[in-house]
N, C-alpha and C. Protein backbone atom coordinates (compact mmCIF):
# COMPACT_ATOMS: atom_id res chain seq x y z
N UNK A 1 1.86 18.73 12.16
CA UNK A 1 0.73 18.62 13.07
C UNK A 1 0.78 17.27 13.78
N UNK A 2 0.74 17.26 15.11
CA UNK A 2 0.72 16.03 15.88
C UNK A 2 -0.65 15.85 16.51
N UNK A 3 -1.19 14.65 16.38
CA UNK A 3 -2.52 14.36 16.89
C UNK A 3 -2.42 13.45 18.10
N UNK A 4 -3.59 13.02 18.59
CA UNK A 4 -3.63 12.15 19.75
C UNK A 4 -2.96 10.82 19.45
N UNK A 5 -2.39 10.21 20.47
CA UNK A 5 -1.75 8.90 20.32
C UNK A 5 -2.76 7.89 19.79
N UNK A 6 -2.38 7.08 18.80
CA UNK A 6 -3.34 6.16 18.19
C UNK A 6 -3.55 4.89 19.02
N UNK A 7 -4.76 4.35 18.97
CA UNK A 7 -5.01 3.02 19.51
C UNK A 7 -4.71 1.95 18.46
N UNK A 8 -4.95 2.31 17.20
CA UNK A 8 -4.76 1.40 16.07
C UNK A 8 -4.04 2.15 14.96
N UNK A 9 -3.09 1.49 14.32
CA UNK A 9 -2.43 2.05 13.14
C UNK A 9 -2.68 1.11 11.97
N UNK A 10 -3.26 1.64 10.92
CA UNK A 10 -3.55 0.87 9.71
C UNK A 10 -2.57 1.30 8.62
N UNK A 11 -2.02 0.31 7.92
CA UNK A 11 -1.01 0.58 6.91
C UNK A 11 -1.50 0.14 5.53
N UNK A 12 -1.19 0.94 4.53
CA UNK A 12 -1.21 0.48 3.16
C UNK A 12 -0.14 -0.61 3.03
N UNK A 13 -0.22 -1.43 1.98
CA UNK A 13 0.72 -2.54 1.84
C UNK A 13 1.86 -2.19 0.87
N UNK A 14 1.55 -2.15 -0.43
CA UNK A 14 2.58 -1.89 -1.45
C UNK A 14 3.08 -0.45 -1.34
N UNK A 15 4.37 -0.29 -1.16
CA UNK A 15 4.95 1.04 -1.09
C UNK A 15 4.97 1.62 0.30
N UNK A 16 4.36 0.91 1.27
CA UNK A 16 4.34 1.40 2.65
C UNK A 16 5.00 0.37 3.57
N UNK A 17 4.47 -0.83 3.59
CA UNK A 17 5.13 -1.91 4.33
C UNK A 17 6.08 -2.70 3.44
N UNK A 18 5.65 -2.95 2.22
CA UNK A 18 6.35 -3.89 1.34
C UNK A 18 6.84 -3.21 0.07
N UNK A 19 8.10 -3.46 -0.26
CA UNK A 19 8.65 -3.04 -1.54
C UNK A 19 8.38 -4.17 -2.54
N UNK A 20 7.23 -4.11 -3.18
CA UNK A 20 6.79 -5.15 -4.12
C UNK A 20 7.10 -4.78 -5.56
N UNK A 21 7.69 -3.61 -5.77
CA UNK A 21 7.95 -3.16 -7.14
C UNK A 21 8.80 -4.14 -7.96
N UNK A 22 9.82 -4.79 -7.37
CA UNK A 22 10.62 -5.71 -8.20
C UNK A 22 9.79 -6.84 -8.81
N UNK A 23 8.86 -7.41 -8.03
CA UNK A 23 8.04 -8.50 -8.58
C UNK A 23 6.97 -7.98 -9.53
N UNK A 24 6.41 -6.81 -9.24
CA UNK A 24 5.41 -6.23 -10.15
C UNK A 24 6.06 -5.87 -11.48
N UNK A 25 7.21 -5.23 -11.43
CA UNK A 25 7.91 -4.87 -12.66
C UNK A 25 8.36 -6.12 -13.40
N UNK A 26 8.80 -7.13 -12.65
CA UNK A 26 9.21 -8.38 -13.28
C UNK A 26 8.07 -9.04 -14.02
N UNK A 27 6.88 -9.01 -13.44
CA UNK A 27 5.71 -9.58 -14.11
C UNK A 27 5.38 -8.81 -15.39
N UNK A 28 5.52 -7.48 -15.33
CA UNK A 28 5.25 -6.68 -16.53
C UNK A 28 6.28 -7.00 -17.61
N UNK A 29 7.53 -7.12 -17.25
CA UNK A 29 8.56 -7.47 -18.23
C UNK A 29 8.32 -8.85 -18.84
N UNK A 30 7.85 -9.80 -18.03
CA UNK A 30 7.52 -11.12 -18.55
C UNK A 30 6.39 -11.03 -19.57
N UNK A 31 5.39 -10.23 -19.26
CA UNK A 31 4.28 -10.04 -20.20
C UNK A 31 4.78 -9.44 -21.50
N UNK A 32 5.64 -8.44 -21.41
CA UNK A 32 6.18 -7.82 -22.62
C UNK A 32 7.04 -8.81 -23.41
N UNK A 33 7.82 -9.59 -22.70
CA UNK A 33 8.68 -10.58 -23.36
C UNK A 33 7.83 -11.62 -24.10
N UNK A 34 6.76 -12.08 -23.46
CA UNK A 34 5.89 -13.07 -24.09
C UNK A 34 5.24 -12.54 -25.36
N UNK A 35 5.08 -11.22 -25.42
CA UNK A 35 4.44 -10.61 -26.59
C UNK A 35 5.45 -10.06 -27.59
N UNK A 36 6.73 -10.35 -27.35
CA UNK A 36 7.76 -9.91 -28.27
C UNK A 36 7.98 -8.42 -28.29
N UNK A 37 7.72 -7.76 -27.16
CA UNK A 37 7.82 -6.30 -27.08
C UNK A 37 9.07 -5.90 -26.30
N UNK A 38 9.56 -4.69 -26.52
CA UNK A 38 10.70 -4.20 -25.73
C UNK A 38 10.32 -4.13 -24.25
N UNK A 39 11.29 -4.37 -23.38
CA UNK A 39 11.03 -4.36 -21.95
C UNK A 39 11.12 -2.95 -21.39
N UNK A 40 10.15 -2.58 -20.58
CA UNK A 40 10.19 -1.27 -19.92
C UNK A 40 11.24 -1.28 -18.83
N UNK A 41 12.05 -0.25 -18.72
CA UNK A 41 13.07 -0.23 -17.66
C UNK A 41 12.43 -0.15 -16.28
N UNK A 42 13.11 -0.74 -15.32
CA UNK A 42 12.60 -0.76 -13.94
C UNK A 42 12.35 0.65 -13.41
N UNK A 43 13.24 1.57 -13.74
CA UNK A 43 13.09 2.95 -13.24
C UNK A 43 11.80 3.59 -13.74
N UNK A 44 11.30 3.16 -14.90
CA UNK A 44 10.03 3.68 -15.41
C UNK A 44 8.85 3.06 -14.67
N UNK A 45 8.94 1.77 -14.36
CA UNK A 45 7.81 1.05 -13.77
C UNK A 45 7.68 1.28 -12.26
N UNK A 46 8.78 1.38 -11.56
CA UNK A 46 8.75 1.43 -10.10
C UNK A 46 7.82 2.50 -9.54
N UNK A 47 7.82 3.74 -10.03
CA UNK A 47 6.96 4.76 -9.43
C UNK A 47 5.47 4.45 -9.53
N UNK A 48 5.09 3.50 -10.39
CA UNK A 48 3.68 3.18 -10.61
C UNK A 48 3.24 1.95 -9.82
N UNK A 49 4.13 1.40 -8.99
CA UNK A 49 3.80 0.15 -8.30
C UNK A 49 2.60 0.28 -7.37
N UNK A 50 2.45 1.42 -6.71
CA UNK A 50 1.31 1.58 -5.79
C UNK A 50 -0.02 1.57 -6.52
N UNK A 51 -0.01 1.90 -7.79
CA UNK A 51 -1.25 1.93 -8.57
C UNK A 51 -1.58 0.57 -9.17
N UNK A 52 -0.76 -0.46 -8.89
CA UNK A 52 -1.08 -1.81 -9.34
C UNK A 52 -1.13 -1.96 -10.84
N UNK A 53 -1.98 -2.88 -11.29
CA UNK A 53 -2.07 -3.18 -12.71
C UNK A 53 -2.40 -1.95 -13.53
N UNK A 54 -3.31 -1.14 -13.03
CA UNK A 54 -3.72 0.06 -13.77
C UNK A 54 -2.54 0.97 -14.05
N UNK A 55 -1.74 1.26 -13.02
CA UNK A 55 -0.61 2.16 -13.20
C UNK A 55 0.50 1.56 -14.03
N UNK A 56 0.77 0.28 -13.83
CA UNK A 56 1.87 -0.36 -14.54
C UNK A 56 1.54 -0.56 -16.01
N UNK A 57 0.29 -0.90 -16.32
CA UNK A 57 -0.10 -1.05 -17.73
C UNK A 57 -0.02 0.29 -18.45
N UNK A 58 -0.39 1.35 -17.77
CA UNK A 58 -0.27 2.66 -18.40
C UNK A 58 1.20 3.02 -18.62
N UNK A 59 2.04 2.74 -17.62
CA UNK A 59 3.46 3.07 -17.75
C UNK A 59 4.10 2.27 -18.88
N UNK A 60 3.73 0.99 -19.01
CA UNK A 60 4.39 0.12 -19.99
C UNK A 60 3.81 0.26 -21.39
N UNK A 61 2.48 0.46 -21.48
CA UNK A 61 1.81 0.43 -22.78
C UNK A 61 1.08 1.72 -23.15
N UNK A 62 0.93 2.62 -22.17
CA UNK A 62 0.16 3.83 -22.43
C UNK A 62 -1.32 3.56 -22.58
N UNK A 63 -1.79 2.45 -22.00
CA UNK A 63 -3.19 2.03 -22.14
C UNK A 63 -3.92 2.24 -20.81
N UNK A 64 -5.13 2.79 -20.89
CA UNK A 64 -5.93 3.09 -19.71
C UNK A 64 -7.10 2.10 -19.61
N UNK A 65 -7.75 2.02 -18.42
CA UNK A 65 -8.85 1.06 -18.25
C UNK A 65 -9.97 1.19 -19.26
N UNK A 66 -10.20 2.37 -19.79
CA UNK A 66 -11.28 2.54 -20.76
C UNK A 66 -10.91 2.08 -22.17
N UNK A 67 -9.66 1.74 -22.39
CA UNK A 67 -9.22 1.30 -23.72
C UNK A 67 -9.55 -0.18 -23.93
N UNK A 68 -9.80 -0.55 -25.18
CA UNK A 68 -10.24 -1.91 -25.51
C UNK A 68 -9.23 -2.97 -25.10
N UNK A 69 -7.95 -2.67 -25.20
CA UNK A 69 -6.92 -3.66 -24.94
C UNK A 69 -6.65 -3.88 -23.46
N UNK A 70 -7.20 -3.02 -22.62
CA UNK A 70 -6.80 -3.00 -21.21
C UNK A 70 -7.12 -4.30 -20.48
N UNK A 71 -8.34 -4.80 -20.58
CA UNK A 71 -8.76 -5.92 -19.75
C UNK A 71 -7.94 -7.18 -20.03
N UNK A 72 -7.66 -7.45 -21.28
CA UNK A 72 -6.84 -8.63 -21.60
C UNK A 72 -5.44 -8.48 -21.03
N UNK A 73 -4.86 -7.28 -21.11
CA UNK A 73 -3.54 -7.04 -20.53
C UNK A 73 -3.58 -7.20 -19.02
N UNK A 74 -4.62 -6.68 -18.39
CA UNK A 74 -4.73 -6.77 -16.93
C UNK A 74 -4.78 -8.22 -16.46
N UNK A 75 -5.62 -9.03 -17.10
CA UNK A 75 -5.76 -10.43 -16.71
C UNK A 75 -4.43 -11.16 -16.90
N UNK A 76 -3.79 -10.95 -18.04
CA UNK A 76 -2.52 -11.64 -18.32
C UNK A 76 -1.44 -11.21 -17.33
N UNK A 77 -1.37 -9.92 -17.06
CA UNK A 77 -0.37 -9.41 -16.12
C UNK A 77 -0.56 -9.99 -14.73
N UNK A 78 -1.79 -10.00 -14.23
CA UNK A 78 -2.06 -10.49 -12.88
C UNK A 78 -1.82 -11.99 -12.76
N UNK A 79 -2.11 -12.72 -13.81
CA UNK A 79 -1.84 -14.16 -13.77
C UNK A 79 -0.34 -14.44 -13.66
N UNK A 80 0.46 -13.65 -14.36
CA UNK A 80 1.91 -13.80 -14.26
C UNK A 80 2.39 -13.40 -12.86
N UNK A 81 1.88 -12.29 -12.37
CA UNK A 81 2.29 -11.81 -11.05
C UNK A 81 1.96 -12.82 -9.96
N UNK A 82 0.82 -13.49 -10.07
CA UNK A 82 0.39 -14.44 -9.04
C UNK A 82 1.38 -15.59 -8.87
N UNK A 83 2.11 -15.90 -9.92
CA UNK A 83 3.05 -17.03 -9.85
C UNK A 83 4.42 -16.61 -9.31
N UNK A 84 4.64 -15.31 -9.17
CA UNK A 84 5.95 -14.81 -8.69
C UNK A 84 5.75 -13.69 -7.67
N UNK A 85 4.83 -13.88 -6.76
CA UNK A 85 4.37 -12.76 -5.94
C UNK A 85 5.37 -12.33 -4.87
N UNK A 86 6.24 -13.23 -4.46
CA UNK A 86 7.18 -12.87 -3.38
C UNK A 86 8.60 -13.30 -3.70
N UNK A 87 8.95 -13.35 -4.96
CA UNK A 87 10.32 -13.72 -5.33
C UNK A 87 11.33 -12.69 -4.84
N UNK A 88 11.03 -11.41 -5.08
CA UNK A 88 11.96 -10.34 -4.73
C UNK A 88 11.34 -9.29 -3.82
N UNK A 89 10.06 -9.41 -3.51
CA UNK A 89 9.41 -8.44 -2.62
C UNK A 89 9.94 -8.60 -1.20
N UNK A 90 10.18 -7.48 -0.55
CA UNK A 90 10.70 -7.48 0.81
C UNK A 90 10.08 -6.33 1.61
N UNK A 91 10.09 -6.45 2.92
CA UNK A 91 9.71 -5.33 3.76
C UNK A 91 10.73 -4.21 3.57
N UNK A 92 10.25 -2.98 3.55
CA UNK A 92 11.16 -1.85 3.48
C UNK A 92 12.07 -1.85 4.72
N UNK A 93 13.27 -1.34 4.55
CA UNK A 93 14.21 -1.22 5.65
C UNK A 93 13.59 -0.43 6.80
N UNK A 94 13.65 -0.98 7.98
CA UNK A 94 13.12 -0.29 9.16
C UNK A 94 11.71 -0.72 9.53
N UNK A 95 11.01 -1.44 8.65
CA UNK A 95 9.62 -1.82 8.94
C UNK A 95 9.54 -2.87 10.04
N UNK A 96 10.43 -3.84 10.03
CA UNK A 96 10.41 -4.86 11.09
C UNK A 96 10.58 -4.22 12.45
N UNK A 97 11.51 -3.30 12.57
CA UNK A 97 11.72 -2.60 13.83
C UNK A 97 10.50 -1.77 14.20
N UNK A 98 9.88 -1.12 13.22
CA UNK A 98 8.69 -0.32 13.47
C UNK A 98 7.57 -1.19 14.06
N UNK A 99 7.32 -2.34 13.42
CA UNK A 99 6.23 -3.21 13.88
C UNK A 99 6.55 -3.81 15.24
N UNK A 100 7.82 -4.13 15.48
CA UNK A 100 8.22 -4.63 16.80
C UNK A 100 7.95 -3.58 17.88
N UNK A 101 8.23 -2.34 17.55
CA UNK A 101 7.98 -1.25 18.50
C UNK A 101 6.50 -1.08 18.79
N UNK A 102 5.66 -1.23 17.77
CA UNK A 102 4.22 -1.14 18.00
C UNK A 102 3.76 -2.24 18.95
N UNK A 103 4.29 -3.43 18.76
CA UNK A 103 3.95 -4.54 19.65
C UNK A 103 4.36 -4.23 21.08
N UNK A 104 5.55 -3.67 21.25
CA UNK A 104 6.03 -3.33 22.59
C UNK A 104 5.17 -2.26 23.25
N UNK A 105 4.62 -1.37 22.44
CA UNK A 105 3.78 -0.29 22.96
C UNK A 105 2.31 -0.69 23.06
N UNK A 106 2.00 -1.96 22.72
CA UNK A 106 0.62 -2.46 22.73
C UNK A 106 -0.29 -1.66 21.80
N UNK A 107 0.27 -1.23 20.68
CA UNK A 107 -0.52 -0.56 19.65
C UNK A 107 -0.88 -1.59 18.58
N UNK A 108 -2.16 -1.77 18.36
CA UNK A 108 -2.64 -2.72 17.37
C UNK A 108 -2.39 -2.17 15.97
N UNK A 109 -2.04 -3.03 15.02
CA UNK A 109 -1.85 -2.57 13.65
C UNK A 109 -2.53 -3.51 12.68
N UNK A 110 -2.93 -2.95 11.54
CA UNK A 110 -3.60 -3.73 10.51
C UNK A 110 -3.19 -3.26 9.13
N UNK A 111 -3.66 -3.96 8.12
CA UNK A 111 -3.33 -3.68 6.72
C UNK A 111 -4.61 -3.37 5.95
N UNK A 112 -4.60 -2.30 5.20
CA UNK A 112 -5.70 -1.96 4.30
C UNK A 112 -5.09 -1.62 2.94
N UNK A 113 -5.35 -2.46 1.97
CA UNK A 113 -4.72 -2.33 0.66
C UNK A 113 -5.75 -2.44 -0.45
N UNK A 114 -5.43 -1.89 -1.61
CA UNK A 114 -6.28 -2.09 -2.78
C UNK A 114 -5.92 -3.38 -3.53
N UNK A 115 -4.90 -4.09 -3.08
CA UNK A 115 -4.52 -5.36 -3.68
C UNK A 115 -5.63 -6.38 -3.44
N UNK A 116 -5.99 -7.14 -4.45
CA UNK A 116 -7.05 -8.13 -4.31
C UNK A 116 -6.64 -9.23 -3.34
N UNK A 117 -7.63 -9.86 -2.71
CA UNK A 117 -7.35 -10.86 -1.68
C UNK A 117 -6.54 -12.03 -2.21
N UNK A 118 -6.70 -12.39 -3.49
CA UNK A 118 -5.92 -13.52 -4.02
C UNK A 118 -4.42 -13.26 -3.92
N UNK A 119 -4.04 -11.99 -3.90
CA UNK A 119 -2.63 -11.63 -3.79
C UNK A 119 -2.22 -11.36 -2.34
N UNK A 120 -3.04 -10.63 -1.60
CA UNK A 120 -2.67 -10.33 -0.21
C UNK A 120 -2.61 -11.62 0.61
N UNK A 121 -3.55 -12.53 0.37
CA UNK A 121 -3.56 -13.78 1.14
C UNK A 121 -2.31 -14.61 0.88
N UNK A 122 -1.72 -14.46 -0.29
CA UNK A 122 -0.49 -15.18 -0.61
C UNK A 122 0.75 -14.44 -0.13
N UNK A 123 0.72 -13.11 -0.20
CA UNK A 123 1.92 -12.31 0.08
C UNK A 123 2.17 -12.12 1.57
N UNK A 124 1.12 -11.79 2.31
CA UNK A 124 1.28 -11.44 3.73
C UNK A 124 2.00 -12.52 4.54
N UNK A 125 1.62 -13.79 4.43
CA UNK A 125 2.33 -14.80 5.24
C UNK A 125 3.79 -14.98 4.85
N UNK A 126 4.10 -14.76 3.57
CA UNK A 126 5.48 -14.97 3.13
C UNK A 126 6.42 -13.87 3.60
N UNK A 127 5.87 -12.74 4.05
CA UNK A 127 6.70 -11.63 4.48
C UNK A 127 6.59 -11.39 5.99
N UNK A 128 6.16 -12.42 6.71
CA UNK A 128 6.12 -12.36 8.18
C UNK A 128 5.25 -11.21 8.69
N UNK A 129 4.12 -10.99 8.02
CA UNK A 129 3.19 -9.94 8.43
C UNK A 129 1.93 -10.52 9.06
N UNK A 130 1.95 -11.78 9.40
CA UNK A 130 0.73 -12.45 9.88
C UNK A 130 0.30 -11.99 11.26
N UNK A 131 1.12 -11.23 11.97
CA UNK A 131 0.73 -10.71 13.28
C UNK A 131 -0.26 -9.56 13.18
N UNK A 132 -0.58 -9.14 11.97
CA UNK A 132 -1.53 -8.04 11.78
C UNK A 132 -2.90 -8.39 12.35
N UNK A 133 -3.59 -7.38 12.88
CA UNK A 133 -4.91 -7.61 13.47
C UNK A 133 -5.98 -7.82 12.41
N UNK A 134 -5.76 -7.32 11.21
CA UNK A 134 -6.71 -7.52 10.12
C UNK A 134 -6.02 -7.26 8.80
N UNK A 135 -6.54 -7.87 7.76
CA UNK A 135 -6.10 -7.58 6.40
C UNK A 135 -7.35 -7.28 5.57
N UNK A 136 -7.47 -6.05 5.14
CA UNK A 136 -8.58 -5.63 4.29
C UNK A 136 -8.03 -5.44 2.89
N UNK A 137 -8.51 -6.25 1.96
CA UNK A 137 -8.03 -6.20 0.58
C UNK A 137 -8.93 -5.32 -0.28
N UNK A 138 -8.51 -5.14 -1.51
CA UNK A 138 -9.26 -4.26 -2.41
C UNK A 138 -10.65 -4.76 -2.75
N UNK A 139 -10.89 -6.06 -2.55
CA UNK A 139 -12.21 -6.61 -2.83
C UNK A 139 -12.91 -7.12 -1.58
N UNK A 140 -12.43 -6.71 -0.39
CA UNK A 140 -13.11 -7.09 0.85
C UNK A 140 -14.45 -6.37 0.98
N UNK A 141 -14.48 -5.11 0.59
CA UNK A 141 -15.72 -4.32 0.60
C UNK A 141 -16.08 -3.98 -0.85
N UNK A 142 -17.30 -3.48 -1.08
CA UNK A 142 -17.69 -3.14 -2.45
C UNK A 142 -16.87 -2.02 -3.07
N UNK A 143 -16.14 -1.28 -2.25
CA UNK A 143 -15.38 -0.13 -2.74
C UNK A 143 -13.92 -0.25 -2.33
N UNK A 144 -13.03 0.29 -3.16
CA UNK A 144 -11.61 0.36 -2.85
C UNK A 144 -11.24 1.81 -2.55
N UNK A 145 -10.07 1.99 -1.96
CA UNK A 145 -9.57 3.36 -1.75
C UNK A 145 -9.50 4.11 -3.07
N UNK A 146 -9.85 5.38 -3.09
CA UNK A 146 -9.94 6.33 -1.97
C UNK A 146 -11.27 6.35 -1.22
N UNK A 147 -12.19 5.43 -1.51
CA UNK A 147 -13.41 5.34 -0.73
C UNK A 147 -13.04 4.93 0.70
N UNK A 148 -13.73 5.45 1.71
CA UNK A 148 -13.38 5.13 3.09
C UNK A 148 -13.83 3.75 3.56
N UNK A 149 -14.66 3.05 2.77
CA UNK A 149 -15.24 1.79 3.24
C UNK A 149 -14.22 0.77 3.72
N UNK A 150 -13.09 0.55 3.01
CA UNK A 150 -12.14 -0.44 3.50
C UNK A 150 -11.54 -0.08 4.87
N UNK A 151 -11.28 1.20 5.09
CA UNK A 151 -10.71 1.63 6.36
C UNK A 151 -11.73 1.49 7.49
N UNK A 152 -12.97 1.82 7.20
CA UNK A 152 -14.02 1.69 8.21
C UNK A 152 -14.27 0.22 8.54
N UNK A 153 -14.13 -0.65 7.55
CA UNK A 153 -14.28 -2.09 7.80
C UNK A 153 -13.15 -2.58 8.70
N UNK A 154 -11.95 -2.09 8.49
CA UNK A 154 -10.82 -2.47 9.35
C UNK A 154 -11.10 -2.05 10.79
N UNK A 155 -11.55 -0.82 10.98
CA UNK A 155 -11.86 -0.35 12.34
C UNK A 155 -12.98 -1.19 12.96
N UNK A 156 -13.97 -1.56 12.16
CA UNK A 156 -15.07 -2.39 12.66
C UNK A 156 -14.56 -3.76 13.12
N UNK A 157 -13.72 -4.37 12.27
CA UNK A 157 -13.21 -5.70 12.62
C UNK A 157 -12.37 -5.67 13.89
N UNK A 158 -11.60 -4.62 14.07
CA UNK A 158 -10.74 -4.52 15.25
C UNK A 158 -11.53 -4.09 16.47
N UNK A 159 -12.63 -3.38 16.23
CA UNK A 159 -13.48 -2.94 17.33
C UNK A 159 -13.07 -1.63 17.93
N UNK A 160 -12.72 -0.67 17.08
CA UNK A 160 -12.30 0.64 17.56
C UNK A 160 -12.93 1.70 16.68
N UNK A 161 -13.21 2.86 17.25
CA UNK A 161 -13.78 3.96 16.46
C UNK A 161 -12.72 4.52 15.52
N UNK A 162 -13.16 4.98 14.37
CA UNK A 162 -12.24 5.48 13.35
C UNK A 162 -11.37 6.62 13.87
N UNK A 163 -11.91 7.45 14.75
CA UNK A 163 -11.13 8.60 15.22
C UNK A 163 -9.94 8.21 16.09
N UNK A 164 -9.88 6.94 16.49
CA UNK A 164 -8.75 6.47 17.28
C UNK A 164 -7.70 5.75 16.41
N UNK A 165 -7.86 5.85 15.09
CA UNK A 165 -6.94 5.18 14.16
C UNK A 165 -6.11 6.19 13.39
N UNK A 166 -4.90 5.78 13.06
CA UNK A 166 -4.08 6.46 12.06
C UNK A 166 -4.06 5.60 10.81
N UNK A 167 -4.10 6.25 9.64
CA UNK A 167 -3.90 5.50 8.40
C UNK A 167 -2.64 6.01 7.73
N UNK A 168 -1.79 5.07 7.30
CA UNK A 168 -0.44 5.38 6.82
C UNK A 168 -0.29 4.88 5.40
N UNK A 169 0.15 5.75 4.47
CA UNK A 169 0.31 5.30 3.09
C UNK A 169 1.24 6.17 2.28
N UNK A 170 1.57 5.70 1.09
CA UNK A 170 2.52 6.39 0.22
C UNK A 170 1.86 6.96 -1.03
N UNK A 171 0.53 6.96 -1.07
CA UNK A 171 -0.18 7.39 -2.27
C UNK A 171 -1.28 8.37 -1.88
N UNK A 172 -1.60 9.29 -2.78
CA UNK A 172 -2.65 10.27 -2.52
C UNK A 172 -3.97 9.60 -2.15
N UNK A 173 -4.27 8.46 -2.80
CA UNK A 173 -5.52 7.76 -2.49
C UNK A 173 -5.57 7.31 -1.03
N UNK A 174 -4.42 6.99 -0.46
CA UNK A 174 -4.38 6.60 0.94
C UNK A 174 -4.80 7.75 1.85
N UNK A 175 -4.27 8.91 1.56
CA UNK A 175 -4.58 10.08 2.38
C UNK A 175 -6.04 10.48 2.21
N UNK A 176 -6.53 10.42 0.98
CA UNK A 176 -7.94 10.76 0.74
C UNK A 176 -8.86 9.79 1.47
N UNK A 177 -8.52 8.50 1.44
CA UNK A 177 -9.35 7.49 2.11
C UNK A 177 -9.34 7.70 3.62
N UNK A 178 -8.15 7.94 4.16
CA UNK A 178 -8.04 8.14 5.60
C UNK A 178 -8.84 9.35 6.07
N UNK A 179 -8.72 10.43 5.35
CA UNK A 179 -9.46 11.64 5.73
C UNK A 179 -10.96 11.40 5.62
N UNK A 180 -11.40 10.73 4.57
CA UNK A 180 -12.82 10.46 4.38
C UNK A 180 -13.36 9.55 5.48
N UNK A 181 -12.50 8.68 6.03
CA UNK A 181 -12.92 7.78 7.10
C UNK A 181 -12.87 8.45 8.48
N UNK A 182 -12.35 9.66 8.56
CA UNK A 182 -12.25 10.34 9.83
C UNK A 182 -11.05 9.92 10.66
N UNK A 183 -10.03 9.38 9.99
CA UNK A 183 -8.81 8.95 10.67
C UNK A 183 -7.71 9.99 10.49
N UNK A 184 -6.77 10.03 11.42
CA UNK A 184 -5.56 10.82 11.21
C UNK A 184 -4.75 10.15 10.10
N UNK A 185 -4.12 10.96 9.27
CA UNK A 185 -3.40 10.42 8.12
C UNK A 185 -1.92 10.74 8.20
N UNK A 186 -1.13 9.76 7.76
CA UNK A 186 0.33 9.93 7.73
C UNK A 186 0.83 9.51 6.36
N UNK A 187 1.45 10.41 5.64
CA UNK A 187 2.10 10.05 4.38
C UNK A 187 3.54 9.65 4.66
N UNK A 188 4.07 8.75 3.84
CA UNK A 188 5.43 8.29 4.06
C UNK A 188 6.31 8.61 2.86
N UNK A 189 7.59 8.81 3.14
CA UNK A 189 8.51 9.22 2.09
C UNK A 189 9.38 8.11 1.55
N UNK A 190 9.15 6.86 2.00
CA UNK A 190 10.03 5.77 1.56
C UNK A 190 9.39 4.89 0.49
N UNK A 191 8.16 5.17 0.07
CA UNK A 191 7.49 4.32 -0.90
C UNK A 191 7.62 4.83 -2.32
N UNK A 192 6.51 4.77 -3.05
CA UNK A 192 6.52 5.10 -4.47
C UNK A 192 5.79 6.41 -4.76
N UNK A 193 5.39 7.14 -3.73
CA UNK A 193 4.46 8.25 -3.92
C UNK A 193 5.08 9.54 -4.40
N UNK A 194 4.24 10.53 -4.39
CA UNK A 194 4.57 11.87 -4.87
C UNK A 194 5.66 12.49 -3.98
N UNK A 195 6.83 12.84 -4.55
CA UNK A 195 7.89 13.42 -3.72
C UNK A 195 7.56 14.82 -3.23
N UNK A 196 6.51 15.43 -3.82
CA UNK A 196 6.13 16.79 -3.43
C UNK A 196 4.97 16.78 -2.45
N UNK A 197 4.91 15.73 -1.62
CA UNK A 197 3.84 15.54 -0.66
C UNK A 197 3.38 16.81 0.06
N UNK A 198 4.27 17.61 0.69
CA UNK A 198 3.77 18.67 1.55
C UNK A 198 2.87 19.66 0.82
N UNK A 199 3.06 19.81 -0.48
CA UNK A 199 2.27 20.76 -1.24
C UNK A 199 0.92 20.16 -1.62
N UNK A 200 0.92 18.90 -2.01
CA UNK A 200 -0.25 18.38 -2.71
C UNK A 200 -1.13 17.41 -1.93
N UNK A 201 -0.65 16.86 -0.82
CA UNK A 201 -1.41 15.77 -0.22
C UNK A 201 -2.26 16.18 0.99
N UNK A 202 -1.80 17.13 1.76
CA UNK A 202 -2.56 17.63 2.91
C UNK A 202 -2.82 16.55 3.95
N UNK A 203 -1.86 15.65 4.15
CA UNK A 203 -1.95 14.68 5.24
C UNK A 203 -1.73 15.39 6.58
N UNK A 204 -2.17 14.76 7.65
CA UNK A 204 -1.99 15.35 8.97
C UNK A 204 -0.53 15.34 9.40
N UNK A 205 0.20 14.30 9.00
CA UNK A 205 1.60 14.16 9.39
C UNK A 205 2.36 13.53 8.23
N UNK A 206 3.68 13.66 8.27
CA UNK A 206 4.54 13.06 7.26
C UNK A 206 5.74 12.43 7.94
N UNK A 207 6.12 11.24 7.49
CA UNK A 207 7.31 10.56 8.01
C UNK A 207 8.22 10.20 6.84
N UNK A 208 9.43 10.70 6.85
CA UNK A 208 10.36 10.43 5.77
C UNK A 208 10.90 9.01 5.84
N UNK A 209 11.02 8.46 7.06
CA UNK A 209 11.56 7.12 7.27
C UNK A 209 10.74 6.42 8.34
N UNK A 210 10.83 5.09 8.44
CA UNK A 210 10.16 4.40 9.54
C UNK A 210 10.59 4.90 10.92
N UNK A 211 11.85 5.28 11.05
CA UNK A 211 12.30 5.83 12.34
C UNK A 211 11.60 7.14 12.64
N UNK A 212 11.39 7.98 11.62
CA UNK A 212 10.65 9.21 11.81
C UNK A 212 9.21 8.92 12.25
N UNK A 213 8.64 7.87 11.69
CA UNK A 213 7.28 7.49 12.06
C UNK A 213 7.19 7.13 13.54
N UNK A 214 8.17 6.37 14.01
CA UNK A 214 8.21 6.05 15.45
C UNK A 214 8.34 7.32 16.28
N UNK A 215 9.03 8.31 15.74
CA UNK A 215 9.14 9.58 16.44
C UNK A 215 7.80 10.28 16.56
N UNK A 216 6.97 10.17 15.53
CA UNK A 216 5.64 10.77 15.59
C UNK A 216 4.82 10.12 16.71
N UNK A 217 4.90 8.82 16.81
CA UNK A 217 4.16 8.10 17.84
C UNK A 217 4.66 8.52 19.23
N UNK A 218 5.99 8.58 19.39
CA UNK A 218 6.56 8.95 20.67
C UNK A 218 6.14 10.35 21.09
N UNK A 219 6.03 11.24 20.12
CA UNK A 219 5.67 12.63 20.43
C UNK A 219 4.23 12.78 20.87
N UNK A 220 3.38 11.80 20.54
CA UNK A 220 1.98 11.88 20.94
C UNK A 220 1.69 11.08 22.20
N UNK A 221 2.68 10.34 22.68
CA UNK A 221 2.45 9.47 23.85
C UNK A 221 2.13 10.30 25.09
């Protein structure tokens, strides 16, 4: 399904613009090492990177937010991650070209992530993403995705109606948030998300690669 050409494109951060899994997994391994525990393999941790501390703690320890041990693990993990936030994190292949093309087409772009501001404020400048029109973090509004509030706040800050925005992400919560906000939604195939997207996510569009995403834009021009 192709929709109207967007005035604004909003992107999720981890798993969509940035491959942050190496640093997130590294922080988890450091936490395990400090506690004298076996290290979880990278292949186990990587698919959970979009879910942040919650997903990685479950993958590594089998512990959920409602469990007694969770909060102490979360705080320790995030403190470690904060000190190594951009050691190995990089933009996904093709993202620089994608963003350059948006600039050439005069399409405004922004970031809406569930990552807390203490991390986004440190990570975004180090990865040359400062040209973004806005950065909405997980604690910018009282609610995080899949609630639509962060996406609506991004549209408000940029000064455009939600129906003129596309929201792009690699996780089901991204698509749910975008739909709830009244935005066109695009799932991507290069992040950490569900490989069975067409069956389960019901996004308006899907892009397997950043080049495919540019093709979607071109087709709506």
